[in-house]
Amino acid sequence: MKKKKSKNRILFYIIAIGCLAVFILILLSSVLDIGEKLRNISQYLEYGFYALVVLLFYFLILQPILIIVCSPSLSIVTTMDPTDHRAIAIYKKVAKNIVKRNELPQEQIILLTEYKNKEELLFNLQYVFEKSVKKTLNRYIIHDAKTVMISTAICQSARFDMITVFTINLKMIKELVYQCGFRPSMKNLSKLTVNVFATALIAEGLENLKLEDIVPKSSLDILNNMPYVGTALESIMQGIANALMTIRIGCVCRRYLFSDGAVITKEDIRRAAYKETLKMIPLVVSETITFFPKRIVRFFTKKSDDTVTEGE
């Protein structure tokens, strides 16, 4: 049984590394393609573009991966003897990180700084996660889902959608890990990597999504008579679909973080993730749709205020 689990873990590692390698190759292909076009304009412009890509790759992909991987894994600690000095050190480090990185009520700060023994500290950590940290993580998930929806709805490039979804989902996982002060187990991180890569590929395919695939013919005839409405709806539907998958990845990651030390099945994680995704998506869609009108109103209000000031 242990040998089978070990083989499955190794298989997940290999698949996750393969997904990252394939994504890097796709990214490199796109970069070289753009660089070749820029070379026709100016060789210095091409070199500047490559330098910018290297910087973006470091800050948007490599740095988040390093932060995630270098964070302590609490799931490993929970299987250790509580008297083990390594476990004790990680408990204290996680508690310190949570106090530092989250705005906690004073009574919860006391729970993580004043305790009688290590078992009590672990219990307090779980309590604070459920009461406060979980809400913070949900805010990050909703914010990144909105970013995915806006960017993929506006941009009409399938390859750019794929890269955007991958980087934002990776950033979201990094933020969740950073706020918690620890990461999921390497096996669960491998599963998340596969999910992120699959979501990015789906985002690329969603660029070909058409209204006739999802809208009844009677409604489609009405929309075809309204210029630009059909195209706008297609873009919005693509954005919503990408946001939906982003929320699901965030919820799964959060479940891994909260339940890594407990006995929990894959079905429990999937079921809970789907339920929470369905709860969050209406909020994401409503906030995103109202985002543009608010910006437009602010823009014209500012312009009219400036005109009045000049007239005076």
C-alpha atoms as a PDB file:
ATOM      1  CA  MET A   1       0.000   0.000   0.000  1.00  0.00           C
ATOM      2  CA  LYS A   2       2.796   2.396   0.913  1.00  0.00           C
ATOM      3  CA  LYS A   3       4.648   1.521  -2.300  1.00  0.00           C
ATOM      4  CA  LYS A   4       1.522   2.298  -4.335  1.00  0.00           C
ATOM      5  CA  LYS A   5       1.104   5.683  -2.618  1.00  0.00           C
ATOM      6  CA  SER A   6       4.776   6.442  -3.215  1.00  0.00           C
ATOM      7  CA  LYS A   7       4.423   5.603  -6.919  1.00  0.00           C
ATOM      8  CA  ASN A   8       1.315   7.800  -7.221  1.00  0.00           C
ATOM      9  CA  ARG A   9       3.144  10.670  -5.544  1.00  0.00           C
ATOM     10  CA  ILE A  10       6.100  10.340  -7.908  1.00  0.00           C
ATOM     11  CA  LEU A  11       3.694  10.199 -10.869  1.00  0.00           C
ATOM     12  CA  PHE A  12       2.046  13.461  -9.766  1.00  0.00           C
ATOM     13  CA  TYR A  13       5.470  15.105  -9.431  1.00  0.00           C
ATOM     14  CA  ILE A  14       6.450  14.021 -12.949  1.00  0.00           C
ATOM     15  CA  ILE A  15       3.150  15.206 -14.453  1.00  0.00           C
ATOM     16  CA  ALA A  16       3.378  18.572 -12.634  1.00  0.00           C
ATOM     17  CA  ILE A  17       6.958  19.151 -13.801  1.00  0.00           C
ATOM     18  CA  GLY A  18       5.898  18.140 -17.323  1.00  0.00           C
ATOM     19  CA  CYS A  19       3.022  20.661 -17.261  1.00  0.00           C
ATOM     20  CA  LEU A  20       5.386  23.452 -16.187  1.00  0.00           C
ATOM     21  CA  ALA A  21       7.869  22.461 -18.902  1.00  0.00           C
ATOM     22  CA  VAL A  22       5.161  22.452 -21.594  1.00  0.00           C
ATOM     23  CA  PHE A  23       3.880  25.860 -20.451  1.00  0.00           C
ATOM     24  CA  ILE A  24       7.410  27.313 -20.565  1.00  0.00           C
ATOM     25  CA  LEU A  25       7.892  25.922 -24.092  1.00  0.00           C
ATOM     26  CA  ILE A  26       4.579  27.448 -25.229  1.00  0.00           C
ATOM     27  CA  LEU A  27       5.550  30.756 -23.631  1.00  0.00           C
ATOM     28  CA  LEU A  28       9.006  30.632 -25.243  1.00  0.00           C
ATOM     29  CA  SER A  29       7.449  29.932 -28.647  1.00  0.00           C
ATOM     30  CA  SER A  30       5.147  32.962 -28.322  1.00  0.00           C
ATOM     31  CA  VAL A  31       7.998  35.198 -27.132  1.00  0.00           C
ATOM     32  CA  LEU A  32      10.285  34.180 -30.031  1.00  0.00           C
ATOM     33  CA  ASP A  33       7.447  34.734 -32.500  1.00  0.00           C
ATOM     34  CA  ILE A  34       6.863  38.297 -31.229  1.00  0.00           C
ATOM     35  CA  GLY A  35      10.606  38.950 -31.019  1.00  0.00           C
ATOM     36  CA  GLU A  36      11.039  37.947 -34.663  1.00  0.00           C
ATOM     37  CA  LYS A  37       8.390  40.472 -35.705  1.00  0.00           C
ATOM     38  CA  LEU A  38      10.014  43.207 -33.601  1.00  0.00           C
ATOM     39  CA  ARG A  39      13.367  42.468 -35.253  1.00  0.00           C
ATOM     40  CA  ASN A  40      11.941  43.764 -38.533  1.00  0.00           C
ATOM     41  CA  ILE A  41      11.333  47.109 -36.808  1.00  0.00           C
ATOM     42  CA  SER A  42      14.515  47.369 -34.703  1.00  0.00           C
ATOM     43  CA  GLN A  43      17.049  44.918 -33.301  1.00  0.00           C
ATOM     44  CA  TYR A  44      17.304  46.942 -30.089  1.00  0.00           C
ATOM     45  CA  LEU A  45      13.527  46.774 -29.714  1.00  0.00           C
ATOM     46  CA  GLU A  46      13.759  42.984 -29.925  1.00  0.00           C
ATOM     47  CA  TYR A  47      16.465  42.821 -27.229  1.00  0.00           C
ATOM     48  CA  GLY A  48      14.479  45.191 -25.013  1.00  0.00           C
ATOM     49  CA  PHE A  49      11.421  42.963 -25.397  1.00  0.00           C
ATOM     50  CA  TYR A  50      13.417  39.871 -24.388  1.00  0.00           C
ATOM     51  CA  ALA A  51      14.783  41.699 -21.333  1.00  0.00           C
ATOM     52  CA  LEU A  52      11.237  42.708 -20.326  1.00  0.00           C
ATOM     53  CA  VAL A  53      10.021  39.109 -20.751  1.00  0.00           C
ATOM     54  CA  VAL A  54      12.845  37.799 -18.530  1.00  0.00           C
ATOM     55  CA  LEU A  55      11.884  40.279 -15.791  1.00  0.00           C
ATOM     56  CA  LEU A  56       8.183  39.436 -16.086  1.00  0.00           C
ATOM     57  CA  PHE A  57       8.949  35.697 -16.053  1.00  0.00           C
ATOM     58  CA  TYR A  58      10.928  36.099 -12.837  1.00  0.00           C
ATOM     59  CA  PHE A  59       8.365  38.218 -10.988  1.00  0.00           C
ATOM     60  CA  LEU A  60       5.165  36.576 -12.310  1.00  0.00           C
ATOM     61  CA  ILE A  61       6.184  32.903 -12.528  1.00  0.00           C
ATOM     62  CA  LEU A  62       9.547  32.017 -10.985  1.00  0.00           C
ATOM     63  CA  GLN A  63       9.245  34.100  -7.801  1.00  0.00           C
ATOM     64  CA  PRO A  64       5.736  32.803  -6.909  1.00  0.00           C
ATOM     65  CA  ILE A  65       6.913  29.215  -7.459  1.00  0.00           C
ATOM     66  CA  LEU A  66       9.923  29.765  -5.174  1.00  0.00           C
ATOM     67  CA  ILE A  67       7.733  31.355  -2.462  1.00  0.00           C
ATOM     68  CA  ILE A  68       5.289  28.434  -2.605  1.00  0.00           C
ATOM     69  CA  VAL A  69       7.878  25.653  -2.632  1.00  0.00           C
ATOM     70  CA  CYS A  70      10.075  27.233   0.071  1.00  0.00           C
ATOM     71  CA  SER A  71       7.145  27.673   2.490  1.00  0.00           C
ATOM     72  CA  PRO A  72       6.846  25.054   5.273  1.00  0.00           C
ATOM     73  CA  SER A  73       4.348  22.237   4.784  1.00  0.00           C
ATOM     74  CA  LEU A  74       2.036  21.929   7.785  1.00  0.00           C
ATOM     75  CA  SER A  75       0.660  18.591   6.582  1.00  0.00           C
ATOM     76  CA  ILE A  76       4.072  16.993   7.095  1.00  0.00           C
ATOM     77  CA  VAL A  77       4.296  18.482  10.573  1.00  0.00           C
ATOM     78  CA  THR A  78       0.921  17.124  11.671  1.00  0.00           C
ATOM     79  CA  THR A  79       2.181  13.588  11.125  1.00  0.00           C
ATOM     80  CA  MET A  80       5.231  14.204  13.321  1.00  0.00           C
ATOM     81  CA  ASP A  81       5.582  13.610  17.027  1.00  0.00           C
ATOM     82  CA  PRO A  82       4.429  16.860  18.710  1.00  0.00           C
ATOM     83  CA  THR A  83       7.616  16.778  20.800  1.00  0.00           C
ATOM     84  CA  ASP A  84       9.750  16.799  17.644  1.00  0.00           C
ATOM     85  CA  HIS A  85      11.750  20.040  17.590  1.00  0.00           C
ATOM     86  CA  ARG A  86      11.144  20.465  13.828  1.00  0.00           C
ATOM     87  CA  ALA A  87       7.372  20.316  14.320  1.00  0.00           C
ATOM     88  CA  ILE A  88       7.505  22.768  17.215  1.00  0.00           C
ATOM     89  CA  ALA A  89       9.632  25.206  15.213  1.00  0.00           C
ATOM     90  CA  ILE A  90       7.239  25.112  12.242  1.00  0.00           C
ATOM     91  CA  TYR A  91       4.160  25.572  14.461  1.00  0.00           C
ATOM     92  CA  LYS A  92       5.736  28.705  15.925  1.00  0.00           C
ATOM     93  CA  LYS A  93       6.832  30.007  12.516  1.00  0.00           C
ATOM     94  CA  VAL A  94       3.349  29.504  11.031  1.00  0.00           C
ATOM     95  CA  ALA A  95       1.690  31.253  13.998  1.00  0.00           C
ATOM     96  CA  LYS A  96       4.126  34.168  13.718  1.00  0.00           C
ATOM     97  CA  ASN A  97       3.511  34.505   9.961  1.00  0.00           C
ATOM     98  CA  ILE A  98      -0.272  34.496  10.381  1.00  0.00           C
ATOM     99  CA  VAL A  99      -0.145  37.210  13.042  1.00  0.00           C
ATOM    100  CA  LYS A 100       2.180  39.280  10.849  1.00  0.00           C
ATOM    101  CA  ARG A 101       0.332  38.868   7.539  1.00  0.00           C
ATOM    102  CA  ASN A 102      -3.314  39.036   8.653  1.00  0.00           C
ATOM    103  CA  GLU A 103      -5.391  41.663  10.430  1.00  0.00           C
ATOM    104  CA  LEU A 104      -6.565  39.577  13.376  1.00  0.00           C
ATOM    105  CA  PRO A 105      -8.668  40.567  16.400  1.00  0.00           C
ATOM    106  CA  GLN A 106      -6.638  41.008  19.575  1.00  0.00           C
ATOM    107  CA  GLU A 107      -8.092  37.860  21.184  1.00  0.00           C
ATOM    108  CA  GLN A 108      -6.931  35.741  18.227  1.00  0.00           C
ATOM    109  CA  ILE A 109      -3.459  37.278  18.343  1.00  0.00           C
ATOM    110  CA  ILE A 110      -3.298  36.239  22.004  1.00  0.00           C
ATOM    111  CA  LEU A 111      -4.282  32.677  21.022  1.00  0.00           C
ATOM    112  CA  LEU A 112      -1.302  32.478  18.650  1.00  0.00           C
ATOM    113  CA  THR A 113       1.217  34.144  20.951  1.00  0.00           C
ATOM    114  CA  GLU A 114       0.247  32.894  24.396  1.00  0.00           C
ATOM    115  CA  TYR A 115      -0.289  29.142  24.806  1.00  0.00           C
ATOM    116  CA  LYS A 116       0.546  26.416  27.300  1.00  0.00           C
ATOM    117  CA  ASN A 117       1.772  23.659  24.982  1.00  0.00           C
ATOM    118  CA  LYS A 118       2.233  22.802  21.327  1.00  0.00           C
ATOM    119  CA  GLU A 119      -1.029  20.836  21.071  1.00  0.00           C
ATOM    120  CA  GLU A 120      -2.909  23.945  22.217  1.00  0.00           C
ATOM    121  CA  LEU A 121      -1.048  26.049  19.631  1.00  0.00           C
ATOM    122  CA  LEU A 122      -2.074  23.666  16.830  1.00  0.00           C
ATOM    123  CA  PHE A 123      -5.713  23.788  18.001  1.00  0.00           C
ATOM    124  CA  ASN A 124      -5.540  27.613  18.131  1.00  0.00           C
ATOM    125  CA  LEU A 125      -4.102  27.711  14.612  1.00  0.00           C
ATOM    126  CA  GLN A 126      -7.031  25.704  13.268  1.00  0.00           C
ATOM    127  CA  TYR A 127      -9.493  27.940  15.125  1.00  0.00           C
ATOM    128  CA  VAL A 128      -7.969  31.169  13.750  1.00  0.00           C
ATOM    129  CA  PHE A 129      -7.949  29.713  10.210  1.00  0.00           C
ATOM    130  CA  GLU A 130     -11.681  29.070  10.344  1.00  0.00           C
ATOM    131  CA  LYS A 131     -12.624  32.355  12.024  1.00  0.00           C
ATOM    132  CA  SER A 132     -10.449  34.913  10.214  1.00  0.00           C
ATOM    133  CA  VAL A 133      -7.893  33.607   7.722  1.00  0.00           C
ATOM    134  CA  LYS A 134     -10.538  31.843   5.632  1.00  0.00           C
ATOM    135  CA  LYS A 135     -12.326  35.172   4.976  1.00  0.00           C
ATOM    136  CA  THR A 136      -9.057  36.782   3.886  1.00  0.00           C
ATOM    137  CA  LEU A 137      -8.328  33.915   1.501  1.00  0.00           C
ATOM    138  CA  ASN A 138     -11.814  34.216  -0.012  1.00  0.00           C
ATOM    139  CA  ARG A 139     -11.177  37.907  -0.714  1.00  0.00           C
ATOM    140  CA  TYR A 140      -8.006  37.005  -2.634  1.00  0.00           C
ATOM    141  CA  ILE A 141      -9.840  34.306  -4.598  1.00  0.00           C
ATOM    142  CA  ILE A 142     -12.669  36.686  -5.567  1.00  0.00           C
ATOM    143  CA  HIS A 143     -10.222  39.474  -6.501  1.00  0.00           C
ATOM    144  CA  ASP A 144      -8.142  37.207  -8.769  1.00  0.00           C
ATOM    145  CA  ALA A 145     -11.259  35.690 -10.340  1.00  0.00           C
ATOM    146  CA  LYS A 146     -12.437  39.216 -11.217  1.00  0.00           C
ATOM    147  CA  THR A 147      -9.023  39.978 -12.730  1.00  0.00           C
ATOM    148  CA  VAL A 148      -9.208  36.814 -14.848  1.00  0.00           C
ATOM    149  CA  MET A 149     -12.736  37.634 -15.993  1.00  0.00           C
ATOM    150  CA  ILE A 150     -11.888  41.210 -16.997  1.00  0.00           C
ATOM    151  CA  SER A 151      -8.611  40.387 -18.761  1.00  0.00           C
ATOM    152  CA  THR A 152      -9.914  37.379 -20.718  1.00  0.00           C
ATOM    153  CA  ALA A 153     -13.151  39.165 -21.640  1.00  0.00           C
ATOM    154  CA  ILE A 154     -11.307  42.202 -23.022  1.00  0.00           C
ATOM    155  CA  CYS A 155      -8.443  40.417 -24.782  1.00  0.00           C
ATOM    156  CA  GLN A 156      -9.317  38.479 -27.937  1.00  0.00           C
ATOM    157  CA  SER A 157      -6.056  36.500 -28.138  1.00  0.00           C
ATOM    158  CA  ALA A 158      -6.295  32.809 -27.206  1.00  0.00           C
ATOM    159  CA  ARG A 159      -2.589  32.507 -26.398  1.00  0.00           C
ATOM    160  CA  PHE A 160      -2.643  35.633 -24.230  1.00  0.00           C
ATOM    161  CA  ASP A 161      -5.688  34.262 -22.382  1.00  0.00           C
ATOM    162  CA  MET A 162      -3.805  31.054 -21.620  1.00  0.00           C
ATOM    163  CA  ILE A 163      -0.741  32.871 -20.278  1.00  0.00           C
ATOM    164  CA  THR A 164      -2.892  35.317 -18.276  1.00  0.00           C
ATOM    165  CA  VAL A 165      -4.976  32.584 -16.637  1.00  0.00           C
ATOM    166  CA  PHE A 166      -1.853  30.570 -15.774  1.00  0.00           C
ATOM    167  CA  THR A 167       0.014  33.495 -14.194  1.00  0.00           C
ATOM    168  CA  ILE A 168      -2.992  34.834 -12.254  1.00  0.00           C
ATOM    169  CA  ASN A 169      -3.846  31.376 -10.887  1.00  0.00           C
ATOM    170  CA  LEU A 170      -0.217  30.874  -9.878  1.00  0.00           C
ATOM    171  CA  LYS A 171      -0.244  34.295  -8.195  1.00  0.00           C
ATOM    172  CA  MET A 172      -3.460  33.380  -6.367  1.00  0.00           C
ATOM    173  CA  ILE A 173      -1.959  30.164  -4.966  1.00  0.00           C
ATOM    174  CA  LYS A 174       1.120  32.124  -3.874  1.00  0.00           C
ATOM    175  CA  GLU A 175      -1.078  34.674  -2.077  1.00  0.00           C
ATOM    176  CA  LEU A 176      -3.045  31.955  -0.282  1.00  0.00           C
ATOM    177  CA  VAL A 177       0.147  30.210   0.817  1.00  0.00           C
ATOM    178  CA  TYR A 178       1.708  33.499   1.922  1.00  0.00           C
ATOM    179  CA  GLN A 179      -1.323  34.482   4.028  1.00  0.00           C
ATOM    180  CA  CYS A 180      -1.472  31.076   5.707  1.00  0.00           C
ATOM    181  CA  GLY A 181       2.259  30.876   6.350  1.00  0.00           C
ATOM    182  CA  PHE A 182       2.502  27.333   4.993  1.00  0.00           C
ATOM    183  CA  ARG A 183       1.820  25.378   1.799  1.00  0.00           C
ATOM    184  CA  PRO A 184      -0.048  22.174   0.937  1.00  0.00           C
ATOM    185  CA  SER A 185       1.888  18.915   0.653  1.00  0.00           C
ATOM    186  CA  MET A 186       4.006  18.426  -2.479  1.00  0.00           C
ATOM    187  CA  LYS A 187       1.519  15.837  -3.746  1.00  0.00           C
ATOM    188  CA  ASN A 188      -1.349  18.330  -3.500  1.00  0.00           C
ATOM    189  CA  LEU A 189       0.821  21.075  -4.995  1.00  0.00           C
ATOM    190  CA  SER A 190       1.422  18.773  -7.963  1.00  0.00           C
ATOM    191  CA  LYS A 191      -2.341  18.302  -8.346  1.00  0.00           C
ATOM    192  CA  LEU A 192      -2.830  22.080  -8.237  1.00  0.00           C
ATOM    193  CA  THR A 193      -0.152  22.546 -10.909  1.00  0.00           C
ATOM    194  CA  VAL A 194      -1.983  20.138 -13.205  1.00  0.00           C
ATOM    195  CA  ASN A 195      -5.286  21.936 -12.504  1.00  0.00           C
ATOM    196  CA  VAL A 196      -3.766  25.351 -13.250  1.00  0.00           C
ATOM    197  CA  PHE A 197      -2.222  24.118 -16.507  1.00  0.00           C
ATOM    198  CA  ALA A 198      -5.481  22.420 -17.577  1.00  0.00           C
ATOM    199  CA  THR A 199      -7.420  25.615 -16.770  1.00  0.00           C
ATOM    200  CA  ALA A 200      -4.980  27.652 -18.880  1.00  0.00           C
ATOM    201  CA  LEU A 201      -5.446  25.284 -21.839  1.00  0.00           C
ATOM    202  CA  ILE A 202      -9.240  25.453 -21.456  1.00  0.00           C
ATOM    203  CA  ALA A 203      -9.002  29.270 -21.402  1.00  0.00           C
ATOM    204  CA  GLU A 204      -7.177  29.124 -24.730  1.00  0.00           C
ATOM    205  CA  GLY A 205      -9.916  26.897 -26.178  1.00  0.00           C
ATOM    206  CA  LEU A 206     -12.708  29.134 -24.838  1.00  0.00           C
ATOM    207  CA  GLU A 207     -11.613  31.856 -27.254  1.00  0.00           C
ATOM    208  CA  ASN A 208     -13.462  29.833 -29.937  1.00  0.00           C
ATOM    209  CA  LEU A 209     -16.675  29.764 -27.869  1.00  0.00           C
ATOM    210  CA  LYS A 210     -19.614  31.054 -29.908  1.00  0.00           C
ATOM    211  CA  LEU A 211     -23.109  32.095 -28.888  1.00  0.00           C
ATOM    212  CA  GLU A 212     -24.698  29.402 -31.065  1.00  0.00           C
ATOM    213  CA  ASP A 213     -23.040  26.807 -28.824  1.00  0.00           C
ATOM    214  CA  ILE A 214     -24.899  27.972 -25.698  1.00  0.00           C
ATOM    215  CA  VAL A 215     -27.816  30.214 -26.734  1.00  0.00           C
ATOM    216  CA  PRO A 216     -31.108  28.860 -28.187  1.00  0.00           C
ATOM    217  CA  LYS A 217     -31.690  29.650 -31.869  1.00  0.00           C
ATOM    218  CA  SER A 218     -34.724  31.850 -31.156  1.00  0.00           C
ATOM    219  CA  SER A 219     -32.686  34.097 -28.848  1.00  0.00           C
ATOM    220  CA  LEU A 220     -29.724  34.000 -31.233  1.00  0.00           C
ATOM    221  CA  ASP A 221     -31.776  35.475 -34.087  1.00  0.00           C
ATOM    222  CA  ILE A 222     -32.700  38.452 -31.887  1.00  0.00           C
ATOM    223  CA  LEU A 223     -29.081  39.025 -30.828  1.00  0.00           C
ATOM    224  CA  ASN A 224     -27.837  38.859 -34.426  1.00  0.00           C
ATOM    225  CA  ASN A 225     -30.021  41.865 -35.233  1.00  0.00           C
ATOM    226  CA  MET A 226     -28.315  43.883 -32.504  1.00  0.00           C
ATOM    227  CA  PRO A 227     -24.844  45.039 -33.621  1.00  0.00           C
ATOM    228  CA  TYR A 228     -21.879  44.261 -31.315  1.00  0.00           C
ATOM    229  CA  VAL A 229     -24.138  42.724 -28.638  1.00  0.00           C
ATOM    230  CA  GLY A 230     -23.346  39.162 -29.726  1.00  0.00           C
ATOM    231  CA  THR A 231     -19.587  39.772 -29.670  1.00  0.00           C
ATOM    232  CA  ALA A 232     -19.804  41.417 -26.240  1.00  0.00           C
ATOM    233  CA  LEU A 233     -21.837  38.508 -24.841  1.00  0.00           C
ATOM    234  CA  GLU A 234     -19.319  35.992 -26.219  1.00  0.00           C
ATOM    235  CA  SER A 235     -16.481  37.840 -24.485  1.00  0.00           C
ATOM    236  CA  ILE A 236     -18.438  38.049 -21.206  1.00  0.00           C
ATOM    237  CA  MET A 237     -19.252  34.324 -21.323  1.00  0.00           C
ATOM    238  CA  GLN A 238     -15.575  33.505 -21.913  1.00  0.00           C
ATOM    239  CA  GLY A 239     -14.606  35.686 -18.967  1.00  0.00           C
ATOM    240  CA  ILE A 240     -17.215  34.103 -16.682  1.00  0.00           C
ATOM    241  CA  ALA A 241     -16.085  30.588 -17.613  1.00  0.00           C
ATOM    242  CA  ASN A 242     -12.442  31.448 -16.842  1.00  0.00           C
ATOM    243  CA  ALA A 243     -13.431  33.134 -13.564  1.00  0.00           C
ATOM    244  CA  LEU A 244     -15.446  30.035 -12.608  1.00  0.00           C
ATOM    245  CA  MET A 245     -12.416  27.773 -13.063  1.00  0.00           C
ATOM    246  CA  THR A 246     -10.180  30.220 -11.182  1.00  0.00           C
ATOM    247  CA  ILE A 247     -12.546  30.233  -8.191  1.00  0.00           C
ATOM    248  CA  ARG A 248     -12.593  26.439  -8.192  1.00  0.00           C
ATOM    249  CA  ILE A 249      -8.779  26.253  -8.120  1.00  0.00           C
ATOM    250  CA  GLY A 250      -8.694  28.787  -5.288  1.00  0.00           C
ATOM    251  CA  CYS A 251     -11.281  26.840  -3.271  1.00  0.00           C
ATOM    252  CA  VAL A 252      -9.438  23.545  -3.826  1.00  0.00           C
ATOM    253  CA  CYS A 253      -6.149  25.146  -2.753  1.00  0.00           C
ATOM    254  CA  ARG A 254      -7.784  26.579   0.360  1.00  0.00           C
ATOM    255  CA  ARG A 255      -9.290  23.194   1.187  1.00  0.00           C
ATOM    256  CA  TYR A 256      -5.850  21.619   0.852  1.00  0.00           C
ATOM    257  CA  LEU A 257      -4.436  24.227   3.233  1.00  0.00           C
ATOM    258  CA  PHE A 258      -7.177  23.813   5.817  1.00  0.00           C
ATOM    259  CA  SER A 259      -7.583  20.059   5.577  1.00  0.00           C
ATOM    260  CA  ASP A 260      -4.110  18.798   4.755  1.00  0.00           C
ATOM    261  CA  GLY A 261      -3.571  17.356   8.207  1.00  0.00           C
ATOM    262  CA  ALA A 262      -7.020  15.805   8.460  1.00  0.00           C
ATOM    263  CA  VAL A 263      -8.515  12.696   6.889  1.00  0.00           C
ATOM    264  CA  ILE A 264     -10.495  13.959   3.914  1.00  0.00           C
ATOM    265  CA  THR A 265     -11.377  12.325   0.593  1.00  0.00           C
ATOM    266  CA  LYS A 266     -11.036  13.700  -2.928  1.00  0.00           C
ATOM    267  CA  GLU A 267     -14.816  13.703  -3.274  1.00  0.00           C
ATOM    268  CA  ASP A 268     -15.177  15.853  -0.139  1.00  0.00           C
ATOM    269  CA  ILE A 269     -12.735  18.405  -1.563  1.00  0.00           C
ATOM    270  CA  ARG A 270     -14.406  18.457  -4.996  1.00  0.00           C
ATOM    271  CA  ARG A 271     -17.921  18.682  -3.578  1.00  0.00           C
ATOM    272  CA  ALA A 272     -17.002  21.520  -1.211  1.00  0.00           C
ATOM    273  CA  ALA A 273     -15.079  23.354  -3.965  1.00  0.00           C
ATOM    274  CA  TYR A 274     -18.043  23.210  -6.369  1.00  0.00           C
ATOM    275  CA  LYS A 275     -20.463  24.439  -3.707  1.00  0.00           C
ATOM    276  CA  GLU A 276     -18.275  27.410  -2.802  1.00  0.00           C
ATOM    277  CA  THR A 277     -17.595  28.178  -6.463  1.00  0.00           C
ATOM    278  CA  LEU A 278     -21.319  28.447  -7.151  1.00  0.00           C
ATOM    279  CA  LYS A 279     -21.662  30.779  -4.158  1.00  0.00           C
ATOM    280  CA  MET A 280     -18.808  33.075  -5.233  1.00  0.00           C
ATOM    281  CA  ILE A 281     -19.383  33.332  -8.986  1.00  0.00           C
ATOM    282  CA  PRO A 282     -22.510  35.576  -8.788  1.00  0.00           C
ATOM    283  CA  LEU A 283     -20.571  38.032  -6.616  1.00  0.00           C
ATOM    284  CA  VAL A 284     -17.614  38.025  -9.022  1.00  0.00           C
ATOM    285  CA  VAL A 285     -19.836  38.543 -12.077  1.00  0.00           C
ATOM    286  CA  SER A 286     -21.920  41.339 -10.511  1.00  0.00           C
ATOM    287  CA  GLU A 287     -18.852  43.235  -9.243  1.00  0.00           C
ATOM    288  CA  THR A 288     -17.044  42.837 -12.561  1.00  0.00           C
ATOM    289  CA  ILE A 289     -19.995  43.963 -14.688  1.00  0.00           C
ATOM    290  CA  THR A 290     -20.500  47.068 -12.533  1.00  0.00           C
ATOM    291  CA  PHE A 291     -16.755  47.797 -12.671  1.00  0.00           C
ATOM    292  CA  PHE A 292     -16.870  49.284 -16.177  1.00  0.00           C
ATOM    293  CA  PRO A 293     -19.921  51.576 -15.744  1.00  0.00           C
ATOM    294  CA  LYS A 294     -18.417  52.962 -12.529  1.00  0.00           C
ATOM    295  CA  ARG A 295     -15.153  53.739 -14.286  1.00  0.00           C
ATOM    296  CA  ILE A 296     -16.977  55.375 -17.185  1.00  0.00           C
ATOM    297  CA  VAL A 297     -19.088  57.525 -14.821  1.00  0.00           C
ATOM    298  CA  ARG A 298     -15.970  58.568 -12.878  1.00  0.00           C
ATOM    299  CA  PHE A 299     -14.174  59.438 -16.118  1.00  0.00           C
ATOM    300  CA  PHE A 300     -16.939  61.710 -17.428  1.00  0.00           C
ATOM    301  CA  THR A 301     -17.589  63.216 -13.969  1.00  0.00           C
ATOM    302  CA  LYS A 302     -13.923  64.113 -13.708  1.00  0.00           C
ATOM    303  CA  LYS A 303     -13.958  65.591 -17.208  1.00  0.00           C
ATOM    304  CA  SER A 304     -17.019  67.739 -16.455  1.00  0.00           C
ATOM    305  CA  ASP A 305     -15.513  68.902 -13.139  1.00  0.00           C
ATOM    306  CA  ASP A 306     -12.333  69.929 -14.952  1.00  0.00           C
ATOM    307  CA  THR A 307     -14.393  71.860 -17.524  1.00  0.00           C
ATOM    308  CA  VAL A 308     -16.274  73.738 -14.781  1.00  0.00           C
ATOM    309  CA  THR A 309     -12.990  74.606 -13.049  1.00  0.00           C
ATOM    310  CA  GLU A 310     -11.510  75.965 -16.286  1.00  0.00           C
ATOM    311  CA  GLY A 311     -14.673  78.006 -16.948  1.00  0.00           C
ATOM    312  CA  GLU A 312     -14.445  79.643 -13.556  1.00  0.00           C
END
